Amino acid sequence: MKADIIGVPLEIPEIPEAELLGGAVCGFACLAGQGSLPEIAESIVRIASVYEPCQAQHKEYSLEYENYSAAYQAVREAIATVPDSTFQTCRSFV
């Protein structure tokens, strides 16, 4: 599902604590001072599986995101027209 949403292949690393390995890779890159971060990561990280996106599903998710973005923008614009005093009044009830 995540690959469908973002529209690009999703690579799953062999180890479940990938964020910890990422921190170690960053530390190693700083200490070693050799190679770029992507080069070092590529030499250390092993990919267990890859989920390919379904383009039809990605198109549906993209449409839903466009609808969400339009609604969000409309709400932001509407809130911008509300006077600050209204928010202060509402806060007094909390």
PDB file of N, CA and C in Angstrom:
ATOM      1  N   MET A   1       0.828  -1.190   0.000  1.00  0.00           N
ATOM      2  CA  MET A   1       0.000   0.000   0.000  1.00  0.00           C
ATOM      3  C   MET A   1       0.878   1.262   0.000  1.00  0.00           C
ATOM      4  N   LYS A   2       1.934   1.267   0.805  1.00  0.00           N
ATOM      5  CA  LYS A   2       2.789   2.451   0.868  1.00  0.00           C
ATOM      6  C   LYS A   2       3.441   2.719  -0.482  1.00  0.00           C
ATOM      7  N   ALA A   3       3.889   1.666  -1.162  1.00  0.00           N
ATOM      8  CA  ALA A   3       4.486   1.836  -2.495  1.00  0.00           C
ATOM      9  C   ALA A   3       3.450   2.415  -3.453  1.00  0.00           C
ATOM     10  N   ASP A   4       2.206   1.968  -3.336  1.00  0.00           N
ATOM     11  CA  ASP A   4       1.141   2.497  -4.192  1.00  0.00           C
ATOM     12  C   ASP A   4       0.917   3.985  -3.920  1.00  0.00           C
ATOM     13  N   ILE A   5       0.969   4.372  -2.665  1.00  0.00           N
ATOM     14  CA  ILE A   5       0.721   5.769  -2.299  1.00  0.00           C
ATOM     15  C   ILE A   5       1.827   6.677  -2.818  1.00  0.00           C
ATOM     16  N   ILE A   6       3.093   6.285  -2.581  1.00  0.00           N
ATOM     17  CA  ILE A   6       4.200   7.160  -2.980  1.00  0.00           C
ATOM     18  C   ILE A   6       4.575   7.005  -4.445  1.00  0.00           C
ATOM     19  N   GLY A   7       4.173   5.898  -5.065  1.00  0.00           N
ATOM     20  CA  GLY A   7       4.386   5.720  -6.499  1.00  0.00           C
ATOM     21  C   GLY A   7       5.785   5.313  -6.911  1.00  0.00           C
ATOM     22  N   VAL A   8       6.593   4.876  -5.965  1.00  0.00           N
ATOM     23  CA  VAL A   8       7.945   4.402  -6.276  1.00  0.00           C
ATOM     24  C   VAL A   8       8.179   3.073  -5.560  1.00  0.00           C
ATOM     25  N   PRO A   9       9.115   2.261  -6.061  1.00  0.00           N
ATOM     26  CA  PRO A   9       9.397   0.993  -5.384  1.00  0.00           C
ATOM     27  C   PRO A   9       9.821   1.225  -3.928  1.00  0.00           C
ATOM     28  N   LEU A  10       9.345   0.366  -3.054  1.00  0.00           N
ATOM     29  CA  LEU A  10       9.650   0.453  -1.629  1.00  0.00           C
ATOM     30  C   LEU A  10      10.581  -0.698  -1.273  1.00  0.00           C
ATOM     31  N   GLU A  11      11.804  -0.370  -0.864  1.00  0.00           N
ATOM     32  CA  GLU A  11      12.796  -1.380  -0.516  1.00  0.00           C
ATOM     33  C   GLU A  11      12.749  -1.646   0.983  1.00  0.00           C
ATOM     34  N   ILE A  12      12.644  -2.931   1.343  1.00  0.00           N
ATOM     35  CA  ILE A  12      12.589  -3.341   2.739  1.00  0.00           C
ATOM     36  C   ILE A  12      13.944  -3.935   3.115  1.00  0.00           C
ATOM     37  N   PRO A  13      14.635  -3.355   4.098  1.00  0.00           N
ATOM     38  CA  PRO A  13      15.945  -3.882   4.478  1.00  0.00           C
ATOM     39  C   PRO A  13      15.831  -5.217   5.220  1.00  0.00           C
ATOM     40  N   GLU A  14      16.942  -5.959   5.229  1.00  0.00           N
ATOM     41  CA  GLU A  14      16.964  -7.255   5.906  1.00  0.00           C
ATOM     42  C   GLU A  14      16.732  -7.118   7.405  1.00  0.00           C
ATOM     43  N   ILE A  15      17.277  -6.078   8.016  1.00  0.00           N
ATOM     44  CA  ILE A  15      17.124  -5.936   9.462  1.00  0.00           C
ATOM     45  C   ILE A  15      15.907  -5.070   9.774  1.00  0.00           C
ATOM     46  N   PRO A  16      15.133  -5.453  10.789  1.00  0.00           N
ATOM     47  CA  PRO A  16      13.921  -4.694  11.103  1.00  0.00           C
ATOM     48  C   PRO A  16      14.200  -3.314  11.710  1.00  0.00           C
ATOM     49  N   GLU A  17      15.341  -3.129  12.357  1.00  0.00           N
ATOM     50  CA  GLU A  17      15.677  -1.849  12.983  1.00  0.00           C
ATOM     51  C   GLU A  17      16.497  -0.995  12.025  1.00  0.00           C
ATOM     52  N   ALA A  18      15.952  -0.712  10.857  1.00  0.00           N
ATOM     53  CA  ALA A  18      16.687   0.003   9.808  1.00  0.00           C
ATOM     54  C   ALA A  18      17.116   1.399  10.243  1.00  0.00           C
ATOM     55  N   GLU A  19      16.315   2.052  11.082  1.00  0.00           N
ATOM     56  CA  GLU A  19      16.698   3.400  11.513  1.00  0.00           C
ATOM     57  C   GLU A  19      17.970   3.370  12.357  1.00  0.00           C
ATOM     58  N   LEU A  20      18.170   2.299  13.123  1.00  0.00           N
ATOM     59  CA  LEU A  20      19.405   2.174  13.905  1.00  0.00           C
ATOM     60  C   LEU A  20      20.602   1.975  12.984  1.00  0.00           C
ATOM     61  N   LEU A  21      20.419   1.155  11.967  1.00  0.00           N
ATOM     62  CA  LEU A  21      21.488   0.952  10.993  1.00  0.00           C
ATOM     63  C   LEU A  21      21.788   2.259  10.267  1.00  0.00           C
ATOM     64  N   GLY A  22      20.753   3.029   9.962  1.00  0.00           N
ATOM     65  CA  GLY A  22      20.951   4.326   9.314  1.00  0.00           C
ATOM     66  C   GLY A  22      21.800   5.253  10.164  1.00  0.00           C
ATOM     67  N   GLY A  23      21.552   5.252  11.468  1.00  0.00           N
ATOM     68  CA  GLY A  23      22.363   6.059  12.374  1.00  0.00           C
ATOM     69  C   GLY A  23      23.809   5.595  12.391  1.00  0.00           C
ATOM     70  N   ALA A  24      23.988   4.278  12.380  1.00  0.00           N
ATOM     71  CA  ALA A  24      25.346   3.726  12.355  1.00  0.00           C
ATOM     72  C   ALA A  24      26.056   4.088  11.055  1.00  0.00           C
ATOM     73  N   VAL A  25      25.337   4.030   9.949  1.00  0.00           N
ATOM     74  CA  VAL A  25      25.922   4.381   8.648  1.00  0.00           C
ATOM     75  C   VAL A  25      26.353   5.846   8.649  1.00  0.00           C
ATOM     76  N   CYS A  26      25.508   6.728   9.190  1.00  0.00           N
ATOM     77  CA  CYS A  26      25.862   8.157   9.258  1.00  0.00           C
ATOM     78  C   CYS A  26      27.106   8.368  10.118  1.00  0.00           C
ATOM     79  N   GLY A  27      27.148   7.687  11.260  1.00  0.00           N
ATOM     80  CA  GLY A  27      28.315   7.798  12.135  1.00  0.00           C
ATOM     81  C   GLY A  27      29.571   7.292  11.459  1.00  0.00           C
ATOM     82  N   PHE A  28      29.455   6.158  10.789  1.00  0.00           N
ATOM     83  CA  PHE A  28      30.602   5.591  10.076  1.00  0.00           C
ATOM     84  C   PHE A  28      31.079   6.544   8.985  1.00  0.00           C
ATOM     85  N   ALA A  29      30.142   7.133   8.268  1.00  0.00           N
ATOM     86  CA  ALA A  29      30.504   8.058   7.187  1.00  0.00           C
ATOM     87  C   ALA A  29      31.274   9.253   7.741  1.00  0.00           C
ATOM     88  N   CYS A  30      30.843   9.757   8.896  1.00  0.00           N
ATOM     89  CA  CYS A  30      31.533  10.901   9.507  1.00  0.00           C
ATOM     90  C   CYS A  30      32.920  10.517  10.006  1.00  0.00           C
ATOM     91  N   LEU A  31      33.021   9.355  10.642  1.00  0.00           N
ATOM     92  CA  LEU A  31      34.303   8.941  11.204  1.00  0.00           C
ATOM     93  C   LEU A  31      35.297   8.511  10.136  1.00  0.00           C
ATOM     94  N   ALA A  32      34.819   7.774   9.153  1.00  0.00           N
ATOM     95  CA  ALA A  32      35.715   7.241   8.125  1.00  0.00           C
ATOM     96  C   ALA A  32      36.200   8.339   7.193  1.00  0.00           C
ATOM     97  N   GLY A  33      35.310   9.267   6.871  1.00  0.00           N
ATOM     98  CA  GLY A  33      35.686  10.348   5.973  1.00  0.00           C
ATOM     99  C   GLY A  33      36.017   9.888   4.568  1.00  0.00           C
ATOM    100  N   GLN A  34      35.566   8.700   4.229  1.00  0.00           N
ATOM    101  CA  GLN A  34      35.829   8.163   2.891  1.00  0.00           C
ATOM    102  C   GLN A  34      34.506   7.819   2.226  1.00  0.00           C
ATOM    103  N   GLY A  35      34.330   8.269   1.012  1.00  0.00           N
ATOM    104  CA  GLY A  35      33.108   7.963   0.284  1.00  0.00           C
ATOM    105  C   GLY A  35      31.951   8.829   0.738  1.00  0.00           C
ATOM    106  N   SER A  36      30.927   8.834  -0.079  1.00  0.00           N
ATOM    107  CA  SER A  36      29.732   9.607   0.251  1.00  0.00           C
ATOM    108  C   SER A  36      28.789   8.748   1.082  1.00  0.00           C
ATOM    109  N   LEU A  37      27.854   9.382   1.719  1.00  0.00           N
ATOM    110  CA  LEU A  37      26.874   8.661   2.527  1.00  0.00           C
ATOM    111  C   LEU A  37      26.121   7.624   1.696  1.00  0.00           C
ATOM    112  N   PRO A  38      25.623   7.964   0.493  1.00  0.00           N
ATOM    113  CA  PRO A  38      24.943   6.939  -0.311  1.00  0.00           C
ATOM    114  C   PRO A  38      25.849   5.755  -0.670  1.00  0.00           C
ATOM    115  N   GLU A  39      27.121   6.018  -0.944  1.00  0.00           N
ATOM    116  CA  GLU A  39      28.046   4.928  -1.276  1.00  0.00           C
ATOM    117  C   GLU A  39      28.247   4.000  -0.083  1.00  0.00           C
ATOM    118  N   ILE A  40      28.431   4.581   1.086  1.00  0.00           N
ATOM    119  CA  ILE A  40      28.636   3.773   2.289  1.00  0.00           C
ATOM    120  C   ILE A  40      27.373   2.992   2.616  1.00  0.00           C
ATOM    121  N   ALA A  41      26.223   3.642   2.532  1.00  0.00           N
ATOM    122  CA  ALA A  41      24.956   2.957   2.810  1.00  0.00           C
ATOM    123  C   ALA A  41      24.752   1.792   1.856  1.00  0.00           C
ATOM    124  N   GLU A  42      25.059   2.006   0.591  1.00  0.00           N
ATOM    125  CA  GLU A  42      24.883   0.942  -0.401  1.00  0.00           C
ATOM    126  C   GLU A  42      25.771  -0.258  -0.094  1.00  0.00           C
ATOM    127  N   SER A  43      26.945  -0.018   0.464  1.00  0.00           N
ATOM    128  CA  SER A  43      27.852  -1.124   0.767  1.00  0.00           C
ATOM    129  C   SER A  43      27.471  -1.862   2.049  1.00  0.00           C
ATOM    130  N   ILE A  44      26.681  -1.229   2.922  1.00  0.00           N
ATOM    131  CA  ILE A  44      26.334  -1.839   4.206  1.00  0.00           C
ATOM    132  C   ILE A  44      24.914  -2.396   4.229  1.00  0.00           C
ATOM    133  N   VAL A  45      23.962  -1.657   3.717  1.00  0.00           N
ATOM    134  CA  VAL A  45      22.544  -2.036   3.807  1.00  0.00           C
ATOM    135  C   VAL A  45      22.214  -3.128   2.798  1.00  0.00           C
ATOM    136  N   ARG A  46      21.525  -4.154   3.263  1.00  0.00           N
ATOM    137  CA  ARG A  46      21.078  -5.255   2.409  1.00  0.00           C
ATOM    138  C   ARG A  46      19.549  -5.210   2.315  1.00  0.00           C
ATOM    139  N   ILE A  47      19.045  -5.286   1.094  1.00  0.00           N
ATOM    140  CA  ILE A  47      17.600  -5.224   0.852  1.00  0.00           C
ATOM    141  C   ILE A  47      17.030  -6.641   0.807  1.00  0.00           C
ATOM    142  N   ALA A  48      15.986  -6.884   1.619  1.00  0.00           N
ATOM    143  CA  ALA A  48      15.350  -8.204   1.671  1.00  0.00           C
ATOM    144  C   ALA A  48      14.285  -8.353   0.596  1.00  0.00           C
ATOM    145  N   SER A  49      13.500  -7.302   0.377  1.00  0.00           N
ATOM    146  CA  SER A  49      12.438  -7.381  -0.624  1.00  0.00           C
ATOM    147  C   SER A  49      12.103  -5.984  -1.136  1.00  0.00           C
ATOM    148  N   VAL A  50      11.454  -5.970  -2.285  1.00  0.00           N
ATOM    149  CA  VAL A  50      11.049  -4.714  -2.914  1.00  0.00           C
ATOM    150  C   VAL A  50       9.576  -4.823  -3.284  1.00  0.00           C
ATOM    151  N   TYR A  51       8.802  -3.824  -2.902  1.00  0.00           N
ATOM    152  CA  TYR A  51       7.393  -3.764  -3.279  1.00  0.00           C
ATOM    153  C   TYR A  51       7.247  -2.751  -4.404  1.00  0.00           C
ATOM    154  N   GLU A  52       6.768  -3.207  -5.525  1.00  0.00           N
ATOM    155  CA  GLU A  52       6.560  -2.338  -6.685  1.00  0.00           C
ATOM    156  C   GLU A  52       5.172  -1.701  -6.591  1.00  0.00           C
ATOM    157  N   PRO A  53       5.055  -0.435  -6.929  1.00  0.00           N
ATOM    158  CA  PRO A  53       3.743   0.211  -6.859  1.00  0.00           C
ATOM    159  C   PRO A  53       2.835  -0.223  -8.010  1.00  0.00           C
ATOM    160  N   CYS A  54       1.565  -0.278  -7.710  1.00  0.00           N
ATOM    161  CA  CYS A  54       0.543  -0.499  -8.737  1.00  0.00           C
ATOM    162  C   CYS A  54       0.162   0.897  -9.241  1.00  0.00           C
ATOM    163  N   GLN A  55       0.441   1.179 -10.497  1.00  0.00           N
ATOM    164  CA  GLN A  55       0.220   2.527 -11.025  1.00  0.00           C
ATOM    165  C   GLN A  55      -1.255   2.928 -11.003  1.00  0.00           C
ATOM    166  N   ALA A  56      -2.156   1.964 -11.188  1.00  0.00           N
ATOM    167  CA  ALA A  56      -3.590   2.285 -11.129  1.00  0.00           C
ATOM    168  C   ALA A  56      -3.970   2.745  -9.722  1.00  0.00           C
ATOM    169  N   GLN A  57      -3.454   2.041  -8.708  1.00  0.00           N
ATOM    170  CA  GLN A  57      -3.730   2.432  -7.322  1.00  0.00           C
ATOM    171  C   GLN A  57      -3.075   3.775  -7.002  1.00  0.00           C
ATOM    172  N   HIS A  58      -1.860   3.983  -7.502  1.00  0.00           N
ATOM    173  CA  HIS A  58      -1.165   5.252  -7.270  1.00  0.00           C
ATOM    174  C   HIS A  58      -1.977   6.415  -7.841  1.00  0.00           C
ATOM    175  N   LYS A  59      -2.560   6.205  -9.002  1.00  0.00           N
ATOM    176  CA  LYS A  59      -3.381   7.247  -9.619  1.00  0.00           C
ATOM    177  C   LYS A  59      -4.582   7.577  -8.728  1.00  0.00           C
ATOM    178  N   GLU A  60      -5.201   6.543  -8.155  1.00  0.00           N
ATOM    179  CA  GLU A  60      -6.346   6.757  -7.251  1.00  0.00           C
ATOM    180  C   GLU A  60      -5.916   7.524  -5.997  1.00  0.00           C
ATOM    181  N   TYR A  61      -4.808   7.095  -5.404  1.00  0.00           N
ATOM    182  CA  TYR A  61      -4.317   7.787  -4.207  1.00  0.00           C
ATOM    183  C   TYR A  61      -3.945   9.234  -4.519  1.00  0.00           C
ATOM    184  N   SER A  62      -3.359   9.465  -5.680  1.00  0.00           N
ATOM    185  CA  SER A  62      -2.987  10.829  -6.074  1.00  0.00           C
ATOM    186  C   SER A  62      -4.219  11.713  -6.206  1.00  0.00           C
ATOM    187  N   LEU A  63      -5.283  11.172  -6.776  1.00  0.00           N
ATOM    188  CA  LEU A  63      -6.530  11.918  -6.903  1.00  0.00           C
ATOM    189  C   LEU A  63      -7.095  12.249  -5.523  1.00  0.00           C
ATOM    190  N   GLU A  64      -7.083  11.269  -4.626  1.00  0.00           N
ATOM    191  CA  GLU A  64      -7.577  11.508  -3.268  1.00  0.00           C
ATOM    192  C   GLU A  64      -6.732  12.565  -2.560  1.00  0.00           C
ATOM    193  N   TYR A  65      -5.421  12.535  -2.784  1.00  0.00           N
ATOM    194  CA  TYR A  65      -4.552  13.532  -2.160  1.00  0.00           C
ATOM    195  C   TYR A  65      -4.836  14.925  -2.711  1.00  0.00           C
ATOM    196  N   GLU A  66      -5.091  15.017  -4.004  1.00  0.00           N
ATOM    197  CA  GLU A  66      -5.452  16.312  -4.593  1.00  0.00           C
ATOM    198  C   GLU A  66      -6.726  16.850  -3.958  1.00  0.00           C
ATOM    199  N   ASN A  67      -7.712  15.971  -3.750  1.00  0.00           N
ATOM    200  CA  ASN A  67      -8.964  16.382  -3.101  1.00  0.00           C
ATOM    201  C   ASN A  67      -8.703  16.854  -1.670  1.00  0.00           C
ATOM    202  N   TYR A  68      -7.884  16.099  -0.948  1.00  0.00           N
ATOM    203  CA  TYR A  68      -7.531  16.472   0.423  1.00  0.00           C
ATOM    204  C   TYR A  68      -6.822  17.822   0.441  1.00  0.00           C
ATOM    205  N   SER A  69      -5.853  18.008  -0.448  1.00  0.00           N
ATOM    206  CA  SER A  69      -5.094  19.259  -0.497  1.00  0.00           C
ATOM    207  C   SER A  69      -5.995  20.451  -0.785  1.00  0.00           C
ATOM    208  N   ALA A  70      -6.938  20.275  -1.694  1.00  0.00           N
ATOM    209  CA  ALA A  70      -7.866  21.361  -2.017  1.00  0.00           C
ATOM    210  C   ALA A  70      -8.740  21.694  -0.809  1.00  0.00           C
ATOM    211  N   ALA A  71      -9.233  20.665  -0.116  1.00  0.00           N
ATOM    212  CA  ALA A  71     -10.062  20.896   1.067  1.00  0.00           C
ATOM    213  C   ALA A  71      -9.246  21.570   2.171  1.00  0.00           C
ATOM    214  N   TYR A  72      -8.027  21.121   2.359  1.00  0.00           N
ATOM    215  CA  TYR A  72      -7.151  21.706   3.383  1.00  0.00           C
ATOM    216  C   TYR A  72      -6.895  23.182   3.093  1.00  0.00           C
ATOM    217  N   GLN A  73      -6.610  23.488   1.846  1.00  0.00           N
ATOM    218  CA  GLN A  73      -6.347  24.878   1.462  1.00  0.00           C
ATOM    219  C   GLN A  73      -7.589  25.745   1.685  1.00  0.00           C
ATOM    220  N   ALA A  74      -8.755  25.203   1.364  1.00  0.00           N
ATOM    221  CA  ALA A  74      -9.998  25.954   1.567  1.00  0.00           C
ATOM    222  C   ALA A  74     -10.220  26.242   3.052  1.00  0.00           C
ATOM    223  N   VAL A  75      -9.934  25.268   3.903  1.00  0.00           N
ATOM    224  CA  VAL A  75     -10.089  25.468   5.346  1.00  0.00           C
ATOM    225  C   VAL A  75      -9.092  26.513   5.844  1.00  0.00           C
ATOM    226  N   ARG A  76      -7.847  26.442   5.376  1.00  0.00           N
ATOM    227  CA  ARG A  76      -6.843  27.438   5.779  1.00  0.00           C
ATOM    228  C   ARG A  76      -7.282  28.843   5.393  1.00  0.00           C
ATOM    229  N   GLU A  77      -7.798  28.981   4.187  1.00  0.00           N
ATOM    230  CA  GLU A  77      -8.250  30.297   3.731  1.00  0.00           C
ATOM    231  C   GLU A  77      -9.438  30.783   4.557  1.00  0.00           C
ATOM    232  N   ALA A  78     -10.345  29.869   4.895  1.00  0.00           N
ATOM    233  CA  ALA A  78     -11.504  30.249   5.701  1.00  0.00           C
ATOM    234  C   ALA A  78     -11.075  30.667   7.104  1.00  0.00           C
ATOM    235  N   ILE A  79     -10.153  29.927   7.693  1.00  0.00           N
ATOM    236  CA  ILE A  79      -9.683  30.256   9.043  1.00  0.00           C
ATOM    237  C   ILE A  79      -8.962  31.600   9.053  1.00  0.00           C
ATOM    238  N   ALA A  80      -8.278  31.915   7.975  1.00  0.00           N
ATOM    239  CA  ALA A  80      -7.549  33.188   7.902  1.00  0.00           C
ATOM    240  C   ALA A  80      -8.486  34.387   7.982  1.00  0.00           C
ATOM    241  N   THR A  81      -9.757  34.197   7.649  1.00  0.00           N
ATOM    242  CA  THR A  81     -10.715  35.305   7.693  1.00  0.00           C
ATOM    243  C   THR A  81     -11.366  35.471   9.064  1.00  0.00           C
ATOM    244  N   VAL A  82     -11.159  34.510   9.958  1.00  0.00           N
ATOM    245  CA  VAL A  82     -11.757  34.581  11.291  1.00  0.00           C
ATOM    246  C   VAL A  82     -10.918  35.522  12.159  1.00  0.00           C
ATOM    247  N   PRO A  83     -11.553  36.484  12.796  1.00  0.00           N
ATOM    248  CA  PRO A  83     -10.798  37.418  13.642  1.00  0.00           C
ATOM    249  C   PRO A  83     -10.128  36.705  14.821  1.00  0.00           C
ATOM    250  N   ASP A  84      -8.975  37.220  15.234  1.00  0.00           N
ATOM    251  CA  ASP A  84      -8.249  36.633  16.362  1.00  0.00           C
ATOM    252  C   ASP A  84      -9.090  36.618  17.628  1.00  0.00           C
ATOM    253  N   SER A  85      -9.943  37.611  17.788  1.00  0.00           N
ATOM    254  CA  SER A  85     -10.766  37.683  19.005  1.00  0.00           C
ATOM    255  C   SER A  85     -11.665  36.460  19.141  1.00  0.00           C
ATOM    256  N   THR A  86     -12.071  35.889  18.026  1.00  0.00           N
ATOM    257  CA  THR A  86     -12.908  34.682  18.070  1.00  0.00           C
ATOM    258  C   THR A  86     -12.131  33.535  18.690  1.00  0.00           C
ATOM    259  N   PHE A  87     -10.872  33.384  18.305  1.00  0.00           N
ATOM    260  CA  PHE A  87     -10.051  32.315  18.861  1.00  0.00           C
ATOM    261  C   PHE A  87      -9.792  32.539  20.346  1.00  0.00           C
ATOM    262  N   GLN A  88      -9.609  33.795  20.737  1.00  0.00           N
ATOM    263  CA  GLN A  88      -9.384  34.097  22.149  1.00  0.00           C
ATOM    264  C   GLN A  88     -10.624  33.760  22.963  1.00  0.00           C
ATOM    265  N   THR A  89     -11.792  34.032  22.420  1.00  0.00           N
ATOM    266  CA  THR A  89     -13.043  33.697  23.103  1.00  0.00           C
ATOM    267  C   THR A  89     -13.167  32.190  23.257  1.00  0.00           C
ATOM    268  N   CYS A  90     -12.846  31.462  22.213  1.00  0.00           N
ATOM    269  CA  CYS A  90     -12.925  29.996  22.262  1.00  0.00           C
ATOM    270  C   CYS A  90     -11.951  29.430  23.285  1.00  0.00           C
ATOM    271  N   ARG A  91     -10.753  30.004  23.366  1.00  0.00           N
ATOM    272  CA  ARG A  91      -9.749  29.511  24.316  1.00  0.00           C
ATOM    273  C   ARG A  91     -10.195  29.726  25.762  1.00  0.00           C
ATOM    274  N   SER A  92     -11.000  30.729  25.994  1.00  0.00           N
ATOM    275  CA  SER A  92     -11.441  30.994  27.364  1.00  0.00           C
ATOM    276  C   SER A  92     -12.361  29.891  27.883  1.00  0.00           C
ATOM    277  N   PHE A  93     -12.940  29.098  26.986  1.00  0.00           N
ATOM    278  CA  PHE A  93     -13.816  28.004  27.394  1.00  0.00           C
ATOM    279  C   PHE A  93     -13.036  26.727  27.687  1.00  0.00           C
ATOM    280  N   VAL A  94     -11.781  26.702  27.293  1.00  0.00           N
ATOM    281  CA  VAL A  94     -10.982  25.474  27.454  1.00  0.00           C
ATOM    282  C   VAL A  94     -10.360  25.415  28.812  1.00  0.00           C
TER     283      VAL A  94
END
